[in-house]
């Protein structure tokens, strides 16, 4: 394929990254993978073209298979010109978006960072770039997801939108990413790290762990998707140096969504301190750095009722240290005759550091002011 396109170099991940007995068992392969994984952003964003085997069910399946012949009818126009008519087979959503390849988490980043992609599917090939999608049948098709991911200037094109639209774009991307499969759950932060760095650069924001400083409070308000019975905390084991905090969705496997928070009707809590406040724009806290553990600091209040009307735990079956507390991230603006709604992280005691108790996030909640017992002085670390 590359010879036909007169491209001199071909990069294949399974050949260019050591694939021995498994990263957990082979130290050399593990070190090679960790080194190469950090370069994925450069590999795909710098490539002339990405070839996507969208129809392949596994790495040995291939993608250049015989096609099922299509029936055609030869016709003539009024001016005598001959043309052929065949059944419509253009279905980018079914062939590509719902194809086997795009069920893999790594592929979302690879596709978003690629300048142009040829998708080989069972029925035909599709060309995707910043100008849209072209089908092998010579037609041009539209796809909302593709117009976003296929943009060769992504994510810098997002910068032209207003803040609310920017938020929708990248939070929607993270929600979609959380639904995709990984061979190793511990890849959850790494498989999107290149794209995250690009987003931080484009939006001129520091951040890390799926949270941008520019939208820090809103990015904290993610929840377990209703269709998920539970999230599962990932055991990073030897990769514990990553220190993914409990308030990041990257610390869990399972599908997430963001809380429905009105954009113009919220007062953010200024007493919630971000670990990213002192970082330069575009710098990730996950980068190698002596700063150590990422913690947010905030007052922890008691939840005054046994069963709030709206509380979603990340792991409902987990036995938690009681009582549960909450960190108020934002409040709805007060309207006459209404109590403000508080948007909160639900936290549980997780240990002590000297004389100071620290907490971990265990869920989120909408709470009325009367459901919270405020403690002004109890500022704590949430890890």
Protein backbone atom coordinates (compact mmCIF):
# COMPACT_ATOMS: atom_id res chain seq x y z
CA UNK A 1 0.00 0.00 0.00
CA UNK A 2 2.75 2.48 0.91
CA UNK A 3 4.66 1.58 -2.27
CA UNK A 4 1.56 2.28 -4.36
CA UNK A 5 1.27 5.66 -2.66
CA UNK A 6 5.03 6.25 -3.17
CA UNK A 7 5.59 6.77 0.56
CA UNK A 8 9.08 5.78 1.66
CA UNK A 9 8.58 4.96 5.34
CA UNK A 10 6.00 2.82 7.15
CA UNK A 11 5.51 2.80 10.95
CA UNK A 12 3.60 -0.15 12.45
CA UNK A 13 3.14 -0.13 16.22
CA UNK A 14 3.34 -3.91 16.68
CA UNK A 15 6.71 -3.91 14.87
CA UNK A 16 8.14 -0.64 16.16
CA UNK A 17 7.29 -1.30 19.82
CA UNK A 18 8.50 -4.47 21.52
CA UNK A 19 5.66 -7.01 21.83
CA UNK A 20 7.09 -9.79 23.96
CA UNK A 21 5.38 -11.76 26.71
CA UNK A 22 3.57 -8.76 28.14
CA UNK A 23 4.51 -5.50 29.79
CA UNK A 24 3.88 -6.89 33.27
CA UNK A 25 6.26 -9.83 32.74
CA UNK A 26 9.03 -8.47 30.54
CA UNK A 27 10.96 -5.49 31.90
CA UNK A 28 12.67 -4.70 28.60
CA UNK A 29 9.38 -4.68 26.70
CA UNK A 30 7.77 -2.62 29.46
CA UNK A 31 10.52 0.01 29.35
CA UNK A 32 10.35 0.15 25.55
CA UNK A 33 6.57 0.58 25.63
CA UNK A 34 6.69 3.35 28.23
CA UNK A 35 9.30 5.17 26.15
CA UNK A 36 7.48 4.80 22.83
CA UNK A 37 4.00 5.49 24.22
CA UNK A 38 5.10 9.03 25.09
CA UNK A 39 6.00 9.59 21.43
CA UNK A 40 2.59 8.60 20.00
CA UNK A 41 1.51 12.23 19.74
CA UNK A 42 4.48 13.03 17.48
CA UNK A 43 4.18 9.83 15.45
CA UNK A 44 0.56 10.31 14.39
CA UNK A 45 0.48 14.11 14.14
CA UNK A 46 3.63 14.12 11.98
CA UNK A 47 2.63 11.26 9.68
CA UNK A 48 1.76 12.01 6.06
CA UNK A 49 -1.07 9.49 6.20
CA UNK A 50 -2.60 6.97 8.62
CA UNK A 51 -3.84 3.64 7.27
CA UNK A 52 -6.71 2.31 9.39
CA UNK A 53 -7.66 -1.37 9.15
CA UNK A 54 -11.20 -0.55 10.26
CA UNK A 55 -12.59 -3.97 9.33
CA UNK A 56 -9.89 -6.03 11.09
CA UNK A 57 -11.13 -7.99 14.09
CA UNK A 58 -7.60 -8.62 15.39
CA UNK A 59 -3.98 -7.88 14.47
CA UNK A 60 -3.62 -11.00 12.29
CA UNK A 61 -6.80 -10.40 10.30
CA UNK A 62 -5.48 -8.05 7.62
CA UNK A 63 -7.58 -5.58 5.67
CA UNK A 64 -7.13 -6.17 1.91
CA UNK A 65 -9.73 -8.89 1.42
CA UNK A 66 -11.74 -9.76 -1.72
CA UNK A 67 -14.86 -7.62 -2.06
CA UNK A 68 -18.38 -8.90 -2.62
CA UNK A 69 -19.17 -7.89 -6.23
CA UNK A 70 -21.93 -5.29 -6.54
CA UNK A 71 -24.63 -5.47 -9.14
CA UNK A 72 -24.64 -2.55 -11.55
CA UNK A 73 -26.94 -1.32 -14.27
CA UNK A 74 -25.55 0.45 -17.33
CA UNK A 75 -27.63 3.39 -18.54
CA UNK A 76 -27.37 6.18 -21.08
CA UNK A 77 -28.16 9.84 -20.61
CA UNK A 78 -30.16 11.90 -23.09
CA UNK A 79 -26.94 13.08 -24.70
CA UNK A 80 -25.81 9.48 -25.23
CA UNK A 81 -23.25 9.44 -22.40
CA UNK A 82 -22.99 6.07 -20.67
CA UNK A 83 -23.04 5.74 -16.89
CA UNK A 84 -23.44 3.00 -14.29
CA UNK A 85 -25.89 2.79 -11.38
CA UNK A 86 -25.37 0.58 -8.34
CA UNK A 87 -26.81 0.15 -4.85
CA UNK A 88 -25.85 2.72 -2.21
CA UNK A 89 -23.22 1.36 0.19
CA UNK A 90 -21.98 4.59 1.77
CA UNK A 91 -22.35 4.24 5.53
CA UNK A 92 -19.43 5.83 7.36
CA UNK A 93 -21.10 5.55 10.74
CA UNK A 94 -21.65 1.79 10.46
CA UNK A 95 -18.43 0.94 8.60
CA UNK A 96 -16.02 3.17 10.54
CA UNK A 97 -17.52 4.70 13.69
CA UNK A 98 -19.05 1.37 14.75
CA UNK A 99 -16.27 -0.74 13.23
CA UNK A 100 -14.03 -3.02 15.30
CA UNK A 101 -11.02 -0.72 15.18
CA UNK A 102 -12.85 2.27 16.62
CA UNK A 103 -13.90 0.29 19.68
CA UNK A 104 -10.29 0.53 20.90
CA UNK A 105 -9.32 3.40 23.20
CA UNK A 106 -5.87 4.00 21.68
CA UNK A 107 -7.43 4.57 18.25
CA UNK A 108 -9.41 7.65 19.34
CA UNK A 109 -6.20 9.59 19.97
CA UNK A 110 -4.52 8.20 16.85
CA UNK A 111 -7.42 9.24 14.66
CA UNK A 112 -7.78 12.69 16.21
CA UNK A 113 -4.08 13.48 15.81
CA UNK A 114 -3.76 12.16 12.24
CA UNK A 115 -3.66 14.69 9.42
CA UNK A 116 -5.46 12.36 7.01
CA UNK A 117 -6.68 8.76 7.25
CA UNK A 118 -7.72 6.02 4.82
CA UNK A 119 -10.22 3.68 6.47
CA UNK A 120 -10.37 0.21 4.90
CA UNK A 121 -13.74 -1.40 5.66
CA UNK A 122 -15.54 -4.52 4.46
CA UNK A 123 -17.52 -2.61 1.85
CA UNK A 124 -15.21 0.15 0.64
CA UNK A 125 -12.43 2.57 1.56
CA UNK A 126 -13.07 6.04 3.01
CA UNK A 127 -10.76 9.05 2.93
CA UNK A 128 -10.96 11.33 5.98
CA UNK A 129 -9.23 14.69 6.41
CA UNK A 130 -9.95 18.27 7.40
CA UNK A 131 -11.98 18.81 4.23
CA UNK A 132 -14.43 16.02 5.03
CA UNK A 133 -14.99 12.39 4.03
CA UNK A 134 -14.73 10.99 0.52
CA UNK A 135 -16.05 7.55 -0.33
CA UNK A 136 -14.64 5.04 -2.77
CA UNK A 137 -17.92 5.51 -4.66
CA UNK A 138 -16.81 9.11 -5.45
CA UNK A 139 -19.39 10.64 -3.11
CA UNK A 140 -18.78 13.08 -0.26
CA UNK A 141 -20.48 12.31 3.02
CA UNK A 142 -21.05 14.20 6.26
CA UNK A 143 -20.57 12.88 9.79
CA UNK A 144 -20.71 15.03 12.93
CA UNK A 145 -18.14 12.97 14.84
CA UNK A 146 -15.83 12.82 11.83
CA UNK A 147 -15.96 16.57 11.23
CA UNK A 148 -14.52 16.98 14.72
CA UNK A 149 -12.02 14.10 14.86
CA UNK A 150 -11.05 14.29 11.19
CA UNK A 151 -10.13 17.98 11.34
CA UNK A 152 -6.43 18.15 10.47
CA UNK A 153 -6.13 21.27 12.65
CA UNK A 154 -7.65 19.55 15.68
CA UNK A 155 -7.57 20.45 18.52
CA UNK A 156 -6.43 23.99 17.64
CA UNK A 157 -9.64 24.60 15.70
CA UNK A 158 -11.55 24.20 19.00
CA UNK A 159 -9.96 27.43 20.25
CA UNK A 160 -12.14 29.49 17.89
CA UNK A 161 -15.28 28.42 19.78
CA UNK A 162 -16.67 30.05 22.91
CA UNK A 163 -15.74 28.50 26.26
CA UNK A 164 -19.00 26.56 26.62
CA UNK A 165 -18.57 25.00 23.20
CA UNK A 166 -14.92 24.16 23.91
CA UNK A 167 -16.02 22.39 27.08
CA UNK A 168 -18.65 20.37 25.22
CA UNK A 169 -16.09 19.30 22.63
CA UNK A 170 -13.39 17.91 24.88
CA UNK A 171 -15.68 16.60 27.63
CA UNK A 172 -17.64 14.75 24.93
CA UNK A 173 -14.33 13.35 23.71
CA UNK A 174 -13.46 12.11 27.21
CA UNK A 175 -16.92 10.59 27.64
CA UNK A 176 -16.53 8.72 24.37
CA UNK A 177 -13.02 7.61 25.30
CA UNK A 178 -14.32 6.11 28.56
CA UNK A 179 -16.56 3.72 26.59
CA UNK A 180 -13.70 2.23 24.56
CA UNK A 181 -11.72 -0.93 25.24
CA UNK A 182 -8.17 -1.38 26.51
CA UNK A 183 -6.14 -4.58 26.78
CA UNK A 184 -4.65 -3.13 29.97
CA UNK A 185 -6.73 -0.87 32.23
CA UNK A 186 -3.49 0.75 33.38
CA UNK A 187 -3.21 2.31 29.90
CA UNK A 188 -6.22 4.53 30.64
CA UNK A 189 -4.16 7.72 31.28
CA UNK A 190 -1.48 7.00 28.66
CA UNK A 191 -3.75 6.14 25.72
CA UNK A 192 -5.05 9.70 25.58
CA UNK A 193 -2.09 11.60 27.06
CA UNK A 194 -0.87 12.94 23.70
CA UNK A 195 -4.29 14.29 22.85
CA UNK A 196 -4.63 15.80 26.33
CA UNK A 197 -1.34 17.67 25.92
CA UNK A 198 -2.50 18.98 22.55
CA UNK A 199 -5.74 20.21 24.14
CA UNK A 200 -3.86 21.99 26.90
CA UNK A 201 -1.62 23.68 24.34
CA UNK A 202 -4.54 24.69 22.13
CA UNK A 203 -6.61 26.07 25.02
CA UNK A 204 -3.54 27.62 26.70
CA UNK A 205 -4.19 25.81 29.96
CA UNK A 206 -2.20 23.71 32.40
CA UNK A 207 -3.77 20.53 33.73
CA UNK A 208 -3.52 16.77 33.88
CA UNK A 209 -5.47 13.59 34.58
CA UNK A 210 -8.37 14.65 32.32
CA UNK A 211 -8.77 18.02 34.06
CA UNK A 212 -7.88 21.44 32.62
CA UNK A 213 -7.08 24.37 34.89
CA UNK A 214 -9.14 26.62 32.59
CA UNK A 215 -12.29 24.64 33.49
CA UNK A 216 -11.07 23.07 36.71
CA UNK A 217 -14.31 23.11 38.70
CA UNK A 218 -16.49 21.79 35.89
CA UNK A 219 -14.00 19.09 34.93
CA UNK A 220 -14.17 17.69 38.47
CA UNK A 221 -17.91 17.08 38.12
CA UNK A 222 -17.93 13.75 36.28
CA UNK A 223 -19.99 10.77 37.34
CA UNK A 224 -20.53 7.10 36.69
CA UNK A 225 -22.78 6.68 33.66
CA UNK A 226 -26.25 5.45 34.62
CA UNK A 227 -25.84 2.33 32.47
CA UNK A 228 -22.76 1.35 34.51
CA UNK A 229 -23.52 -0.55 37.72
CA UNK A 230 -20.11 0.42 39.08
CA UNK A 231 -16.76 1.90 38.19
CA UNK A 232 -13.63 0.01 39.20
CA UNK A 233 -10.57 1.66 40.73
CA UNK A 234 -7.54 0.72 38.62
CA UNK A 235 -4.60 -0.90 40.38
CA UNK A 236 -1.59 0.68 38.69
CA UNK A 237 0.84 -1.56 40.56
CA UNK A 238 4.38 -0.92 39.35
CA UNK A 239 3.06 2.13 37.49
CA UNK A 240 2.01 3.71 40.79
CA UNK A 241 4.47 6.53 40.09
CA UNK A 242 1.67 7.91 37.91
CA UNK A 243 -0.23 8.71 41.14
CA UNK A 244 -3.59 9.19 39.45
CA UNK A 245 -5.77 11.00 42.02
CA UNK A 246 -9.20 9.70 43.01
CA UNK A 247 -10.84 12.88 41.66
CA UNK A 248 -9.75 11.96 38.12
CA UNK A 249 -11.89 9.65 35.97
CA UNK A 250 -8.58 8.20 34.69
CA UNK A 251 -8.24 6.41 38.03
CA UNK A 252 -11.18 4.15 37.15
CA UNK A 253 -12.28 1.75 34.44
CA UNK A 254 -15.84 2.12 33.21
CA UNK A 255 -18.02 4.65 31.40
CA UNK A 256 -18.41 8.18 32.69
CA UNK A 257 -20.39 11.27 31.83
CA UNK A 258 -20.29 14.83 33.12
CA UNK A 259 -22.92 16.24 35.44
CA UNK A 260 -25.52 18.46 33.85
CA UNK A 261 -24.37 21.85 35.13
CA UNK A 262 -25.90 25.02 33.61
CA UNK A 263 -23.14 27.17 32.18
CA UNK A 264 -24.27 30.68 33.17
CA UNK A 265 -26.07 29.93 36.43
CA UNK A 266 -23.21 28.65 38.60
CA UNK A 267 -20.95 30.29 41.16
CA UNK A 268 -17.76 28.28 41.47
CA UNK A 269 -16.27 27.67 44.90
CA UNK A 270 -13.14 29.79 45.27
CA UNK A 271 -11.96 27.80 48.29
CA UNK A 272 -11.27 24.69 46.18
CA UNK A 273 -7.58 24.93 45.34
CA UNK A 274 -6.22 23.26 42.22
CA UNK A 275 -2.79 21.56 42.05
CA UNK A 276 -2.39 23.10 38.58
CA UNK A 277 -2.56 26.76 39.67
CA UNK A 278 1.20 27.30 39.58
CA UNK A 279 1.92 25.34 36.38
CA UNK A 280 2.77 27.14 33.11
CA UNK A 281 0.26 26.97 30.26
CA UNK A 282 0.33 23.70 28.34
CA UNK A 283 2.20 21.81 31.09
CA UNK A 284 0.74 18.59 32.44
CA UNK A 285 1.05 17.59 36.08
CA UNK A 286 1.49 14.03 34.81
CA UNK A 287 4.82 14.97 33.21
CA UNK A 288 7.91 13.70 35.06
CA UNK A 289 8.37 16.21 37.84
CA UNK A 290 9.52 16.34 41.47
CA UNK A 291 6.33 18.06 42.61
CA UNK A 292 4.96 14.70 43.71
CA UNK A 293 1.34 13.81 44.36
CA UNK A 294 -1.44 15.89 42.79
CA UNK A 295 -3.80 17.00 45.53
CA UNK A 296 -6.66 19.43 45.62
CA UNK A 297 -7.29 21.27 48.87
CA UNK A 298 -10.73 22.32 50.00
CA UNK A 299 -13.05 22.53 53.00
CA UNK A 300 -14.71 19.19 53.71
CA UNK A 301 -18.27 19.47 55.01
CA UNK A 302 -20.54 16.84 56.53
CA UNK A 303 -23.56 15.56 54.63
CA UNK A 304 -26.38 16.19 57.11
CA UNK A 305 -28.88 13.64 55.77
CA UNK A 306 -28.58 9.86 55.62
CA UNK A 307 -29.78 9.50 52.04
CA UNK A 308 -29.62 12.63 49.86
CA UNK A 309 -32.08 12.75 46.97
CA UNK A 310 -29.34 12.77 44.32
CA UNK A 311 -26.03 11.07 45.08
CA UNK A 312 -24.07 8.76 42.78
CA UNK A 313 -21.24 6.68 44.20
CA UNK A 314 -18.42 5.59 41.90
CA UNK A 315 -18.35 2.09 43.43
CA UNK A 316 -21.74 1.49 45.11
CA UNK A 317 -20.80 -1.91 46.57
CA UNK A 318 -17.57 -0.72 48.15
CA UNK A 319 -17.44 -0.52 51.95
CA UNK A 320 -16.56 3.10 52.76
CA UNK A 321 -15.34 4.78 55.89
CA UNK A 322 -18.22 6.75 57.41
CA UNK A 323 -19.49 9.36 57.71
CA UNK A 324 -19.23 10.59 54.14
CA UNK A 325 -18.30 14.21 53.57
CA UNK A 326 -18.57 16.56 50.62
CA UNK A 327 -16.54 19.22 48.84
CA UNK A 328 -18.70 21.97 47.37
CA UNK A 329 -17.39 22.68 43.86
CA UNK A 330 -20.09 25.14 42.80
CA UNK A 331 -23.47 26.61 43.74
CA UNK A 332 -26.40 27.67 41.61
CA UNK A 333 -27.14 31.38 41.74
CA UNK A 334 -29.81 32.23 44.27
CA UNK A 335 -33.24 32.95 42.80
CA UNK A 336 -36.17 34.32 44.77
CA UNK A 337 -38.02 31.59 46.61
CA UNK A 338 -35.44 28.91 45.74
CA UNK A 339 -32.69 27.25 47.70
CA UNK A 340 -29.38 27.14 45.84
CA UNK A 341 -28.24 23.75 44.61
CA UNK A 342 -24.70 22.70 45.52
CA UNK A 343 -22.65 20.62 43.08
CA UNK A 344 -20.33 18.52 45.19
CA UNK A 345 -17.75 15.77 45.28
CA UNK A 346 -18.58 13.09 47.82
CA UNK A 347 -15.48 12.17 49.83
CA UNK A 348 -14.49 9.55 52.38
CA UNK A 349 -11.62 9.49 54.92
CA UNK A 350 -8.61 7.73 53.37
CA UNK A 351 -5.87 8.08 55.99
CA UNK A 352 -3.72 10.56 57.86
CA UNK A 353 -0.52 12.41 57.09
CA UNK A 354 0.91 13.36 60.47
CA UNK A 355 -1.90 15.15 62.27
CA UNK A 356 -3.84 15.91 59.09
CA UNK A 357 -6.57 13.64 57.78
CA UNK A 358 -6.82 13.28 54.01
CA UNK A 359 -9.74 12.14 51.86
CA UNK A 360 -10.53 10.45 48.56
CA UNK A 361 -13.34 11.09 46.13
CA UNK A 362 -16.03 8.36 46.11
CA UNK A 363 -18.83 10.01 44.12
CA UNK A 364 -20.76 13.19 43.28
CA UNK A 365 -24.01 14.75 44.47
CA UNK A 366 -26.51 17.53 43.97
CA UNK A 367 -27.22 18.84 47.47
CA UNK A 368 -29.48 21.52 48.92
CA UNK A 369 -27.92 23.89 51.43
CA UNK A 370 -29.99 22.33 54.24
CA UNK A 371 -28.42 18.93 53.46
CA UNK A 372 -24.90 20.20 54.24
CA UNK A 373 -23.39 20.86 57.65
CA UNK A 374 -20.74 23.47 56.82
CA UNK A 375 -17.38 23.41 58.59
CA UNK A 376 -15.54 26.60 57.77
CA UNK A 377 -12.07 25.70 59.06
CA UNK A 378 -11.70 22.05 58.03
CA UNK A 379 -9.54 22.45 54.90
CA UNK A 380 -8.19 19.07 53.84
CA UNK A 381 -6.30 17.31 51.08
CA UNK A 382 -8.24 15.26 48.52
CA UNK A 383 -5.98 12.69 46.88
